Amino acid sequence: MLYLDHAATSPVRPEVLEAMRPYLSDVFGNPSSHHSVGEAAADALEWARARVAGALGMRPGDVIFTSGGTEANNLAVKGIVLGGDRRHLITTPIEHESVLESADYLRRLHATEVTLLPVDAQGRVGPDDLAAALRDDTALVSFAHANNEVGTVQDAAALIAVAHERHVPVHVDAVQSAGWEDLRPLGRDAGVDAISVAGHKLGAPKGTGALAVRSRVALEPLLHGGGQERGRRSGTENVAGAVALATAVDLAEAERAKDAAAIAATTAGFITAVLAAVPSAALTGSPDHRLPNLASFTFAGTSGEAVLLELERRGIVSSSGSACAAGSDEPSPVLLALGVPAEVAQTAVRFTFGRTVLPESAAGRLAALVADAVAAVGTS
């Protein structure tokens, strides 16, 4: 079985398990406790905070550990808007549900006006469109660095610069791009105000993540209680989870340049082979500005779910899009926003590679299996 759904989740890395093990057994203290057992846990938490901050180009004090990307995005969008008195939010129609549902919550319950920026046929946001949408009462601009369904990578630095010209803070959802793209320039050079990551995309356990928010940005907490995480996220911290996230981030950063280039070559070969082998195949997203490990296609005249079943029979596990929208038979809102017709959007299949470098011949073999699966659906 070949697992090609790493955008949904990746296996926990052995090094991560080893790093977190002591904090599930011997070093079990509460990091808020003022004794040696608690202080050992607190030291580990601060080590993890510094490692995550370094990978994001932020300061350790900016990092808030969360239960994952969904909580991090909720905290960023709701927390920053509710932390001030402005009630206009700018985002896009191709965001993760955690951003779009947070925007809808603010609209329904906090009289927030939400502007959805248009995207082009490849899923890119134009800086001019953002500039035109900014207002004096804009509280936040929120967008994903890389789309989780089609893999398109935004020109984040340009968008941040446009928003900052009007003194509007920016949140970047980097859940999919972390580990594949260098995020340090977004914090260090572009000055992003908030950035989200999730551990289970990087080889840490599910239920781990972080939001880095600059201290100058007012943030209304979602969780109230003991004032942990500098008062921005109450609740006893998951020390083992924080150590796991930091370890996974360290490993990904150490391997990123080499892995991204090798996997990008595999993905490019796979895309070329699929487009040659399957007449109905169309690549979605940007052919040039995309994650190195993601290839998403539509196969007009088929059913995406049926193709997935045929692929699994042939030993390939993939997906039809966002795992967070599993069970929905509606066409992908992301593809609809890109201008893909609804009946074609329902044929989408997404393949996401992990960090294992496959032989050069693998792309052609995989494409042949995809062609067989699509043909089987077409003749069934």
Protein backbone atom coordinates (compact mmCIF):
# COMPACT_ATOMS: atom_id res chain seq x y z
CA MET A 1 0.00 0.00 0.00
CA LEU A 2 1.36 3.43 -0.99
CA TYR A 3 0.03 6.24 1.19
CA LEU A 4 -0.35 9.46 -0.82
CA ASP A 5 -2.51 11.50 1.56
CA HIS A 6 0.12 13.31 3.62
CA ALA A 7 -1.78 16.60 3.32
CA ALA A 8 -4.43 15.00 5.54
CA THR A 9 -1.96 13.63 8.07
CA SER A 10 1.50 12.10 8.24
CA PRO A 11 2.76 9.25 10.43
CA VAL A 12 4.48 10.19 13.66
CA ARG A 13 8.24 10.08 13.19
CA PRO A 14 10.23 7.71 15.44
CA GLU A 15 12.50 10.57 16.56
CA VAL A 16 9.43 12.52 17.66
CA LEU A 17 8.11 9.61 19.70
CA GLU A 18 11.46 9.27 21.45
CA ALA A 19 11.67 12.99 22.19
CA MET A 20 8.21 13.17 23.74
CA ARG A 21 8.38 9.90 25.68
CA PRO A 22 10.02 11.32 28.86
CA TYR A 23 7.24 13.92 29.17
CA LEU A 24 4.64 11.17 29.18
CA SER A 25 6.40 9.28 31.98
CA ASP A 26 9.24 10.58 34.16
CA VAL A 27 8.99 14.34 33.51
CA PHE A 28 5.27 14.55 34.24
CA GLY A 29 5.06 17.80 36.18
CA ASN A 30 2.68 20.68 35.62
CA PRO A 31 4.76 23.49 34.07
CA SER A 32 2.90 26.04 36.20
CA SER A 33 3.99 24.36 39.45
CA HIS A 34 6.77 26.06 41.40
CA HIS A 35 8.85 23.03 42.33
CA SER A 36 11.58 21.02 40.64
CA VAL A 37 9.19 18.57 38.97
CA GLY A 38 7.13 21.40 37.47
CA GLU A 39 10.20 23.43 36.56
CA ALA A 40 11.60 20.54 34.51
CA ALA A 41 8.39 20.51 32.48
CA ALA A 42 8.49 24.31 32.16
CA ASP A 43 12.05 24.14 30.85
CA ALA A 44 10.99 21.69 28.16
CA LEU A 45 8.06 23.90 27.22
CA GLU A 46 10.31 26.93 26.78
CA TRP A 47 12.81 24.89 24.73
CA ALA A 48 9.96 23.86 22.44
CA ARG A 49 8.70 27.43 22.23
CA ALA A 50 12.11 28.69 21.12
CA ARG A 51 12.48 25.97 18.47
CA VAL A 52 9.07 26.66 16.94
CA ALA A 53 9.63 30.41 17.04
CA GLY A 54 12.96 30.06 15.24
CA ALA A 55 11.38 28.12 12.38
CA LEU A 56 8.72 30.82 11.97
CA GLY A 57 11.01 33.82 12.19
CA MET A 58 9.22 34.94 15.34
CA ARG A 59 10.18 35.44 19.00
CA PRO A 60 9.69 32.68 21.61
CA GLY A 61 7.23 34.86 23.53
CA ASP A 62 5.00 35.03 20.46
CA VAL A 63 4.33 31.28 20.39
CA ILE A 64 1.08 29.91 21.83
CA PHE A 65 0.76 26.13 21.87
CA THR A 66 -2.65 24.88 20.73
CA SER A 67 -4.48 21.62 20.07
CA GLY A 68 -3.79 21.92 16.33
CA GLY A 69 -4.28 24.03 13.24
CA THR A 70 -8.04 24.46 13.67
CA GLU A 71 -7.68 25.96 17.13
CA ALA A 72 -4.75 28.10 16.01
CA ASN A 73 -6.79 29.52 13.12
CA ASN A 74 -9.83 30.10 15.33
CA LEU A 75 -7.69 31.92 17.90
CA ALA A 76 -6.07 34.08 15.24
CA VAL A 77 -9.23 35.09 13.38
CA LYS A 78 -11.62 35.47 16.31
CA GLY A 79 -9.00 36.61 18.78
CA ILE A 80 -7.52 39.41 16.67
CA VAL A 81 -10.87 40.75 15.44
CA LEU A 82 -12.42 40.68 18.91
CA GLY A 83 -9.24 42.10 20.43
CA GLY A 84 -9.98 45.49 18.86
CA ASP A 85 -12.92 47.67 17.89
CA ARG A 86 -12.76 47.29 14.09
CA ARG A 87 -15.25 44.92 12.52
CA HIS A 88 -14.15 44.20 8.96
CA LEU A 89 -12.38 40.96 8.08
CA ILE A 90 -10.74 40.11 4.75
CA THR A 91 -10.13 36.51 3.72
CA THR A 92 -10.67 34.35 0.61
CA PRO A 93 -13.22 31.73 -0.47
CA ILE A 94 -10.54 29.01 -0.67
CA GLU A 95 -9.57 29.01 3.01
CA HIS A 96 -9.70 26.07 5.37
CA GLU A 97 -13.05 25.61 7.10
CA SER A 98 -11.54 26.73 10.41
CA VAL A 99 -10.99 30.20 8.94
CA LEU A 100 -14.24 30.43 6.98
CA GLU A 101 -16.38 29.19 9.88
CA SER A 102 -14.63 31.60 12.24
CA ALA A 103 -15.42 34.41 9.81
CA ASP A 104 -19.05 33.33 9.67
CA TYR A 105 -19.22 33.24 13.48
CA LEU A 106 -17.91 36.80 13.65
CA ARG A 107 -20.43 37.88 11.01
CA ARG A 108 -23.40 36.27 12.79
CA LEU A 109 -22.64 37.13 16.39
CA HIS A 110 -20.30 40.13 16.34
CA ALA A 111 -21.56 42.28 13.44
CA THR A 112 -18.36 41.75 11.49
CA GLU A 113 -18.45 42.44 7.77
CA VAL A 114 -16.54 39.77 5.84
CA THR A 115 -14.97 40.39 2.44
CA LEU A 116 -13.95 37.34 0.39
CA LEU A 117 -11.22 38.30 -2.06
CA PRO A 118 -11.46 36.82 -5.54
CA VAL A 119 -8.83 34.29 -6.66
CA ASP A 120 -7.72 33.57 -10.19
CA ALA A 121 -8.11 30.24 -12.00
CA GLN A 122 -4.95 28.98 -10.27
CA GLY A 123 -6.04 30.04 -6.79
CA ARG A 124 -3.79 33.08 -6.41
CA VAL A 125 -4.83 36.33 -4.73
CA GLY A 126 -3.90 39.57 -6.48
CA PRO A 127 -2.22 42.24 -4.32
CA ASP A 128 -4.26 44.89 -6.16
CA ASP A 129 -7.49 43.15 -5.17
CA LEU A 130 -6.38 43.14 -1.55
CA ALA A 131 -5.43 46.82 -1.71
CA ALA A 132 -8.86 47.69 -3.10
CA ALA A 133 -10.63 45.75 -0.32
CA LEU A 134 -8.79 47.35 2.61
CA ARG A 135 -10.74 49.88 4.66
CA ASP A 136 -10.19 52.08 7.68
CA ASP A 137 -12.17 49.59 9.78
CA THR A 138 -10.38 46.45 8.54
CA ALA A 139 -9.34 44.45 11.58
CA LEU A 140 -7.48 41.57 9.93
CA VAL A 141 -6.42 39.96 6.67
CA SER A 142 -6.28 36.15 6.87
CA PHE A 143 -5.14 33.78 4.14
CA ALA A 144 -3.43 30.41 3.70
CA HIS A 145 0.17 30.39 2.57
CA ALA A 146 -0.57 27.21 0.61
CA ASN A 147 -3.98 25.80 -0.23
CA ASN A 148 -4.64 22.38 1.24
CA GLU A 149 -6.62 21.08 -1.75
CA VAL A 150 -4.79 22.30 -4.84
CA GLY A 151 -1.40 23.24 -3.37
CA THR A 152 -1.22 26.79 -4.72
CA VAL A 153 1.27 28.94 -2.80
CA GLN A 154 0.45 32.63 -2.38
CA ASP A 155 2.91 35.49 -2.69
CA ALA A 156 2.54 35.99 1.03
CA ALA A 157 5.23 38.65 1.40
CA ALA A 158 3.54 40.85 -1.21
CA LEU A 159 0.13 40.49 0.41
CA ILE A 160 1.54 41.25 3.86
CA ALA A 161 3.25 44.38 2.52
CA VAL A 162 -0.02 45.65 1.01
CA ALA A 163 -1.91 45.16 4.28
CA HIS A 164 0.84 46.71 6.37
CA GLU A 165 0.79 49.85 4.21
CA ARG A 166 -2.66 50.42 5.74
CA HIS A 167 -1.54 49.24 9.21
CA VAL A 168 -3.76 46.15 9.05
CA PRO A 169 -2.49 42.98 10.78
CA VAL A 170 -2.12 39.77 8.79
CA HIS A 171 -2.67 36.15 9.80
CA VAL A 172 -1.12 33.45 7.61
CA ASP A 173 -2.35 29.86 7.85
CA ALA A 174 0.87 27.89 7.23
CA VAL A 175 -0.50 24.49 8.23
CA GLN A 176 0.13 22.98 4.78
CA SER A 177 3.31 24.85 3.90
CA ALA A 178 5.21 24.28 7.14
CA GLY A 179 8.06 21.86 6.53
CA TRP A 180 7.95 22.39 2.76
CA GLU A 181 8.40 26.16 2.46
CA ASP A 182 10.79 28.42 4.35
CA LEU A 183 8.52 30.37 6.71
CA ARG A 184 11.25 32.35 8.45
CA PRO A 185 11.19 35.25 5.96
CA LEU A 186 7.47 35.73 6.59
CA GLY A 187 8.15 36.50 10.22
CA ARG A 188 11.64 37.94 10.13
CA ASP A 189 11.47 40.01 6.95
CA ALA A 190 7.79 40.41 6.01
CA GLY A 191 6.71 40.93 9.62
CA VAL A 192 3.63 38.70 9.57
CA ASP A 193 1.51 39.34 12.67
CA ALA A 194 0.23 35.80 13.26
CA ILE A 195 1.03 32.41 11.77
CA SER A 196 -0.51 28.95 12.36
CA VAL A 197 1.06 25.48 12.18
CA ALA A 198 -0.14 21.95 12.97
CA GLY A 199 2.00 19.07 14.19
CA HIS A 200 0.32 16.17 12.44
CA LYS A 201 1.29 17.49 8.99
CA LEU A 202 4.95 17.37 10.06
CA GLY A 203 5.32 14.01 11.78
CA ALA A 204 4.09 14.98 15.27
CA PRO A 205 0.93 13.52 16.82
CA LYS A 206 -2.53 14.82 16.02
CA GLY A 207 -3.73 17.36 18.55
CA THR A 208 -0.55 19.45 18.51
CA GLY A 209 -0.06 22.87 16.97
CA ALA A 210 0.84 26.47 17.56
CA LEU A 211 -0.12 30.03 16.76
CA ALA A 212 2.62 32.65 16.84
CA VAL A 213 1.21 36.14 17.45
CA ARG A 214 3.31 39.24 17.90
CA SER A 215 2.98 40.69 21.38
CA ARG A 216 1.91 44.08 20.01
CA VAL A 217 -1.24 42.51 18.50
CA ALA A 218 -4.26 42.61 20.81
CA LEU A 219 -5.72 39.12 21.12
CA GLU A 220 -8.93 38.09 22.89
CA PRO A 221 -8.45 34.55 24.28
CA LEU A 222 -10.86 31.79 23.34
CA LEU A 223 -10.07 29.83 26.52
CA HIS A 224 -10.19 31.51 29.92
CA GLY A 225 -8.93 30.15 33.20
CA GLY A 226 -5.49 29.96 34.72
CA GLY A 227 -3.79 32.40 32.37
CA GLN A 228 -1.31 29.98 30.83
CA GLU A 229 0.51 30.87 27.60
CA ARG A 230 0.94 34.46 28.79
CA GLY A 231 -2.80 34.79 29.30
CA ARG A 232 -3.59 34.04 25.66
CA ARG A 233 -4.63 30.39 25.97
CA SER A 234 -5.55 29.09 29.43
CA GLY A 235 -5.25 25.43 30.33
CA THR A 236 -2.42 23.20 31.49
CA GLU A 237 -0.05 22.90 28.55
CA ASN A 238 0.54 19.65 26.69
CA VAL A 239 4.28 19.51 27.33
CA ALA A 240 4.84 16.24 25.48
CA GLY A 241 2.88 17.60 22.53
CA ALA A 242 4.88 20.83 22.47
CA VAL A 243 8.15 18.88 22.53
CA ALA A 244 6.84 16.64 19.76
CA LEU A 245 5.88 19.64 17.61
CA ALA A 246 9.24 21.32 18.14
CA THR A 247 11.14 18.13 17.33
CA ALA A 248 9.12 17.58 14.16
CA VAL A 249 9.71 21.20 13.13
CA ASP A 250 13.46 20.83 13.73
CA LEU A 251 13.62 17.65 11.64
CA ALA A 252 11.58 19.14 8.82
CA GLU A 253 13.70 22.29 8.73
CA ALA A 254 16.94 20.29 8.67
CA GLU A 255 15.70 18.20 5.74
CA ARG A 256 13.54 20.74 3.93
CA ALA A 257 15.85 21.97 1.18
CA LYS A 258 16.97 18.48 0.17
CA ASP A 259 13.59 16.80 0.55
CA ALA A 260 11.56 19.53 -1.14
CA ALA A 261 13.73 19.45 -4.26
CA ALA A 262 13.65 15.65 -4.53
CA ILE A 263 9.90 15.36 -3.88
CA ALA A 264 9.17 18.25 -6.25
CA ALA A 265 10.93 16.32 -9.02
CA THR A 266 8.85 13.22 -8.27
CA THR A 267 5.63 15.24 -8.19
CA ALA A 268 6.45 17.04 -11.45
CA GLY A 269 7.16 13.73 -13.17
CA PHE A 270 3.91 12.30 -11.82
CA ILE A 271 1.90 15.31 -13.05
CA THR A 272 3.40 15.06 -16.53
CA ALA A 273 2.79 11.31 -16.68
CA VAL A 274 -0.84 11.55 -15.50
CA LEU A 275 -1.67 14.31 -17.98
CA ALA A 276 -0.17 12.17 -20.75
CA ALA A 277 -1.84 8.93 -19.69
CA VAL A 278 -5.35 10.20 -18.88
CA PRO A 279 -7.00 12.31 -21.60
CA SER A 280 -9.65 13.67 -19.22
CA ALA A 281 -7.13 14.74 -16.54
CA ALA A 282 -6.70 18.42 -15.72
CA LEU A 283 -4.27 19.75 -13.12
CA THR A 284 -5.84 22.08 -10.56
CA GLY A 285 -4.02 24.94 -8.89
CA SER A 286 -0.92 26.75 -10.07
CA PRO A 287 1.54 24.76 -12.19
CA ASP A 288 4.38 27.05 -11.07
CA HIS A 289 3.57 28.30 -7.54
CA ARG A 290 2.65 25.09 -5.74
CA LEU A 291 3.72 22.87 -2.86
CA PRO A 292 6.43 20.43 -3.92
CA ASN A 293 4.51 17.35 -2.74
CA LEU A 294 0.94 17.98 -3.93
CA ALA A 295 -0.75 17.11 -7.23
CA SER A 296 -4.51 17.50 -7.65
CA PHE A 297 -6.48 16.59 -10.75
CA THR A 298 -10.02 16.50 -12.02
CA PHE A 299 -11.07 13.58 -14.22
CA ALA A 300 -14.09 14.85 -16.16
CA GLY A 301 -16.77 12.26 -16.78
CA THR A 302 -15.94 10.20 -13.68
CA SER A 303 -16.74 10.27 -9.97
CA GLY A 304 -13.86 11.29 -7.73
CA GLU A 305 -15.01 8.93 -4.99
CA ALA A 306 -15.23 6.03 -7.45
CA VAL A 307 -11.70 6.75 -8.69
CA LEU A 308 -10.46 6.76 -5.09
CA LEU A 309 -11.95 3.31 -4.50
CA GLU A 310 -10.36 1.98 -7.68
CA LEU A 311 -7.01 3.46 -6.68
CA GLU A 312 -7.17 1.80 -3.26
CA ARG A 313 -7.88 -1.54 -4.93
CA ARG A 314 -4.62 -0.95 -6.79
CA GLY A 315 -2.72 -0.12 -3.60
CA ILE A 316 -2.80 3.70 -3.65
CA VAL A 317 -4.38 5.70 -0.83
CA SER A 318 -5.26 9.27 -1.78
CA SER A 319 -8.16 11.68 -1.19
CA SER A 320 -10.76 13.80 -2.90
CA GLY A 321 -9.74 17.02 -1.13
CA SER A 322 -9.78 18.38 2.38
CA ALA A 323 -9.97 15.68 5.05
CA CYS A 324 -11.83 18.18 7.24
CA ALA A 325 -14.75 18.07 4.78
CA ALA A 326 -14.91 14.28 4.73
CA GLY A 327 -18.36 12.85 4.11
CA SER A 328 -19.56 15.80 2.03
CA ASP A 329 -20.84 15.00 -1.46
CA GLU A 330 -20.92 18.68 -2.43
CA PRO A 331 -18.41 19.97 -4.99
CA SER A 332 -15.33 21.55 -3.43
CA PRO A 333 -15.83 25.28 -2.71
CA VAL A 334 -12.14 25.72 -3.50
CA LEU A 335 -12.53 24.37 -7.03
CA LEU A 336 -15.74 26.32 -7.55
CA ALA A 337 -13.89 29.51 -6.57
CA LEU A 338 -11.24 28.65 -9.18
CA GLY A 339 -13.98 28.52 -11.82
CA VAL A 340 -14.17 24.74 -12.16
CA PRO A 341 -17.74 23.65 -13.09
CA ALA A 342 -19.57 21.85 -10.28
CA GLU A 343 -19.89 18.57 -12.17
CA VAL A 344 -16.15 18.57 -12.88
CA ALA A 345 -15.22 19.64 -9.34
CA GLN A 346 -16.85 16.46 -8.04
CA THR A 347 -14.29 14.40 -9.96
CA ALA A 348 -11.27 15.79 -8.07
CA VAL A 349 -8.56 13.54 -6.64
CA ARG A 350 -5.61 14.81 -4.59
CA PHE A 351 -2.25 13.04 -4.26
CA THR A 352 0.22 14.24 -1.61
CA PHE A 353 3.65 12.66 -1.23
CA GLY A 354 5.59 12.29 2.00
CA ARG A 355 9.32 12.66 2.54
CA THR A 356 10.29 9.24 1.19
CA VAL A 357 12.05 9.79 -2.12
CA LEU A 358 10.69 7.37 -4.72
CA PRO A 359 12.71 5.97 -7.64
CA GLU A 360 12.56 7.87 -10.92
CA SER A 361 10.49 5.11 -12.49
CA ALA A 362 7.77 5.46 -9.83
CA ALA A 363 6.03 8.42 -11.46
CA GLY A 364 5.27 6.49 -14.63
CA ARG A 365 4.10 3.40 -12.75
CA LEU A 366 1.83 5.47 -10.52
CA ALA A 367 0.39 7.33 -13.50
CA ALA A 368 -0.38 4.00 -15.18
CA LEU A 369 -2.31 2.88 -12.12
CA VAL A 370 -4.22 6.17 -12.10
CA ALA A 371 -5.09 5.68 -15.77
CA ASP A 372 -6.30 2.14 -15.04
CA ALA A 373 -8.47 3.39 -12.17
CA VAL A 374 -10.01 6.18 -14.23
CA ALA A 375 -10.66 3.76 -17.11
CA ALA A 376 -12.28 1.27 -14.75
CA VAL A 377 -14.67 3.94 -13.47
CA GLY A 378 -15.49 5.00 -17.00
CA THR A 379 -16.39 1.49 -18.06
CA SER A 380 -18.21 0.37 -14.88
